[in-house]
C-alpha atoms as a PDB file:
ATOM      1  CA  MET A   1      18.656  27.199  31.401  1.00  0.00           C
ATOM      2  CA  VAL A   2      17.692  25.789  28.006  1.00  0.00           C
ATOM      3  CA  GLY A   3      18.531  22.348  26.634  1.00  0.00           C
ATOM      4  CA  LEU A   4      17.883  20.103  23.669  1.00  0.00           C
ATOM      5  CA  PHE A   5      17.801  16.302  23.602  1.00  0.00           C
ATOM      6  CA  VAL A   6      17.964  14.455  20.277  1.00  0.00           C
ATOM      7  CA  GLN A   7      16.989  10.777  20.007  1.00  0.00           C
ATOM      8  CA  GLU A   8      18.346   8.965  16.950  1.00  0.00           C
ATOM      9  CA  ASN A   9      17.640   5.458  15.684  1.00  0.00           C
ATOM     10  CA  SER A  10      20.429   2.906  15.110  1.00  0.00           C
ATOM     11  CA  ALA A  11      20.957   4.206  11.548  1.00  0.00           C
ATOM     12  CA  GLY A  12      21.481   7.775  12.801  1.00  0.00           C
ATOM     13  CA  GLY A  13      18.047   8.987  11.713  1.00  0.00           C
ATOM     14  CA  LEU A  14      16.164  11.463  13.855  1.00  0.00           C
ATOM     15  CA  MET A  15      13.409   9.890  15.981  1.00  0.00           C
ATOM     16  CA  PHE A  16      12.373  12.911  18.077  1.00  0.00           C
ATOM     17  CA  THR A  17      13.663  15.935  19.960  1.00  0.00           C
ATOM     18  CA  GLU A  18      12.931  17.356  23.410  1.00  0.00           C
ATOM     19  CA  HIS A  19      13.188  21.076  24.012  1.00  0.00           C
ATOM     20  CA  MET A  20      13.582  21.725  27.740  1.00  0.00           C
ATOM     21  CA  TYR A  21      13.822  24.619  30.139  1.00  0.00           C
ATOM     22  CA  ILE A  22      14.855  24.740  33.770  1.00  0.00           C
ATOM     23  CA  ALA A  23      13.200  27.845  35.129  1.00  0.00           C
ATOM     24  CA  GLU A  24      12.254  29.590  38.364  1.00  0.00           C
ATOM     25  CA  GLU A  25       8.579  29.336  39.152  1.00  0.00           C
ATOM     26  CA  ASN A  26       6.830  30.351  42.371  1.00  0.00           C
ATOM     27  CA  GLY A  27      10.124  30.559  44.288  1.00  0.00           C
ATOM     28  CA  SER A  28      11.330  27.115  43.191  1.00  0.00           C
ATOM     29  CA  LEU A  29      12.597  25.376  40.043  1.00  0.00           C
ATOM     30  CA  VAL A  30      10.709  23.437  37.408  1.00  0.00           C
ATOM     31  CA  VAL A  31      11.741  21.514  34.295  1.00  0.00           C
ATOM     32  CA  LYS A  32       9.421  22.172  31.371  1.00  0.00           C
ATOM     33  CA  LEU A  33       9.741  20.231  28.139  1.00  0.00           C
ATOM     34  CA  LYS A  34       8.039  19.587  24.826  1.00  0.00           C
ATOM     35  CA  HIS A  35       8.579  16.707  22.393  1.00  0.00           C
ATOM     36  CA  PHE A  36       8.670  16.991  18.601  1.00  0.00           C
ATOM     37  CA  ASP A  37       8.692  14.456  15.764  1.00  0.00           C
ATOM     38  CA  PRO A  38      11.271  14.928  12.970  1.00  0.00           C
ATOM     39  CA  ASP A  39       8.732  17.016  11.018  1.00  0.00           C
ATOM     40  CA  LEU A  40       8.289  19.306  14.095  1.00  0.00           C
ATOM     41  CA  THR A  41       4.851  17.926  14.924  1.00  0.00           C
ATOM     42  CA  GLY A  42       4.461  18.375  18.676  1.00  0.00           C
ATOM     43  CA  TRP A  43       3.494  15.507  20.939  1.00  0.00           C
ATOM     44  CA  GLU A  44       1.867  17.773  23.503  1.00  0.00           C
ATOM     45  CA  GLU A  45      -1.005  20.128  22.743  1.00  0.00           C
ATOM     46  CA  LYS A  46       0.017  23.598  21.526  1.00  0.00           C
ATOM     47  CA  ASP A  47       0.026  25.305  24.941  1.00  0.00           C
ATOM     48  CA  ASP A  48       0.767  22.168  26.975  1.00  0.00           C
ATOM     49  CA  MET A  49       4.090  20.742  28.158  1.00  0.00           C
ATOM     50  CA  VAL A  50       5.527  18.101  30.466  1.00  0.00           C
ATOM     51  CA  ARG A  51       6.463  19.598  33.839  1.00  0.00           C
ATOM     52  CA  PHE A  52       8.682  18.272  36.626  1.00  0.00           C
ATOM     53  CA  ARG A  53       8.681  20.254  39.890  1.00  0.00           C
ATOM     54  CA  LEU A  54      11.775  20.430  42.104  1.00  0.00           C
ATOM     55  CA  VAL A  55      11.791  17.984  45.020  1.00  0.00           C
ATOM     56  CA  SER A  56      15.311  18.362  46.451  1.00  0.00           C
ATOM     57  CA  ILE A  57      18.917  19.252  45.703  1.00  0.00           C
ATOM     58  CA  GLU A  58      22.079  17.493  46.935  1.00  0.00           C
ATOM     59  CA  PRO A  59      25.725  18.378  46.214  1.00  0.00           C
ATOM     60  CA  CYS A  60      25.801  16.324  42.997  1.00  0.00           C
ATOM     61  CA  ALA A  61      22.151  15.510  42.311  1.00  0.00           C
ATOM     62  CA  VAL A  62      18.928  17.357  41.573  1.00  0.00           C
ATOM     63  CA  TYR A  63      15.619  15.572  42.075  1.00  0.00           C
ATOM     64  CA  PHE A  64      12.493  16.670  40.265  1.00  0.00           C
ATOM     65  CA  SER A  65       9.191  14.783  40.333  1.00  0.00           C
ATOM     66  CA  ALA A  66       9.866  11.685  38.168  1.00  0.00           C
ATOM     67  CA  LEU A  67      13.182  13.130  36.878  1.00  0.00           C
ATOM     68  CA  THR A  68      16.700  13.008  38.357  1.00  0.00           C
ATOM     69  CA  TYR A  69      19.985  14.608  37.233  1.00  0.00           C
ATOM     70  CA  ARG A  70      23.037  13.081  38.956  1.00  0.00           C
ATOM     71  CA  CYS A  71      26.793  13.442  38.505  1.00  0.00           C
ATOM     72  CA  ASP A  72      28.562  10.338  37.211  1.00  0.00           C
ATOM     73  CA  GLY A  73      32.240  10.794  37.891  1.00  0.00           C
ATOM     74  CA  GLU A  74      34.137  13.892  36.825  1.00  0.00           C
ATOM     75  CA  ASN A  75      32.808  14.097  33.245  1.00  0.00           C
ATOM     76  CA  GLY A  76      29.517  12.260  33.307  1.00  0.00           C
ATOM     77  CA  LEU A  77      25.853  12.900  33.937  1.00  0.00           C
ATOM     78  CA  VAL A  78      23.082  10.373  34.560  1.00  0.00           C
ATOM     79  CA  VAL A  79      19.511  11.395  33.837  1.00  0.00           C
ATOM     80  CA  ALA A  80      16.727   9.077  34.987  1.00  0.00           C
ATOM     81  CA  VAL A  81      13.073   9.598  34.135  1.00  0.00           C
ATOM     82  CA  ARG A  82      10.111   7.544  35.345  1.00  0.00           C
ATOM     83  CA  MET A  83       7.378   7.038  32.741  1.00  0.00           C
ATOM     84  CA  LYS A  84       4.084   5.176  32.530  1.00  0.00           C
ATOM     85  CA  GLY A  85       3.903   2.814  29.580  1.00  0.00           C
ATOM     86  CA  ALA A  86       0.843   1.966  27.521  1.00  0.00           C
ATOM     87  CA  ASP A  87       0.194  -0.901  29.961  1.00  0.00           C
ATOM     88  CA  LYS A  88       0.199   1.635  32.865  1.00  0.00           C
ATOM     89  CA  ASP A  89       3.358   0.082  34.341  1.00  0.00           C
ATOM     90  CA  VAL A  90       5.955   2.600  35.543  1.00  0.00           C
ATOM     91  CA  ASN A  91       9.385   2.190  33.957  1.00  0.00           C
ATOM     92  CA  GLU A  92      12.596   4.119  34.541  1.00  0.00           C
ATOM     93  CA  LEU A  93      14.635   5.207  31.536  1.00  0.00           C
ATOM     94  CA  VAL A  94      18.281   5.954  32.292  1.00  0.00           C
ATOM     95  CA  PHE A  95      20.461   8.094  30.020  1.00  0.00           C
ATOM     96  CA  ARG A  96      24.236   8.391  30.521  1.00  0.00           C
ATOM     97  CA  PHE A  97      26.046  11.404  29.127  1.00  0.00           C
ATOM     98  CA  VAL A  98      29.782  12.164  28.907  1.00  0.00           C
ATOM     99  CA  ARG A  99      31.395  15.518  28.126  1.00  0.00           C
ATOM    100  CA  ARG A 100      32.429  15.616  24.469  1.00  0.00           C
ATOM    101  CA  LYS A 101      36.139  16.098  25.186  1.00  0.00           C
ATOM    102  CA  ALA A 102      36.198  13.233  27.684  1.00  0.00           C
ATOM    103  CA  ALA A 103      34.239  10.994  25.301  1.00  0.00           C
ATOM    104  CA  ALA A 104      36.675  11.744  22.437  1.00  0.00           C
ATOM    105  CA  GLU A 105      39.670  10.988  24.654  1.00  0.00           C
ATOM    106  CA  ALA A 106      38.114   7.708  25.811  1.00  0.00           C
ATOM    107  CA  GLY A 107      37.669   6.485  22.237  1.00  0.00           C
ATOM    108  CA  PRO A 108      34.801   4.492  20.749  1.00  0.00           C
ATOM    109  CA  THR A 109      32.477   2.544  23.019  1.00  0.00           C
ATOM    110  CA  PRO A 110      32.121  -1.198  22.489  1.00  0.00           C
END
């Protein structure tokens, strides 16, 4: 499975993109991803990528090392990723997604 994440700033300008793959590897699953600046300069070295190996699967959640995909109601998805900051502290970033049709029906968010 292939995916694309786009991070925009508050003015709608492109900050970066993530190109990701969920693939079979050695009899299990792995998420592989690469980051790119708006000019397509890669964050990782040419042949390198960020990798998250599968830890476990539940009926509505998939746990990879430092990355979780979890259902959030009927039309939502929560993605949580643990990252080390420049100060070496581990922080969790949480992203909430809603299906486009459901988001349009719900109207603008406050």
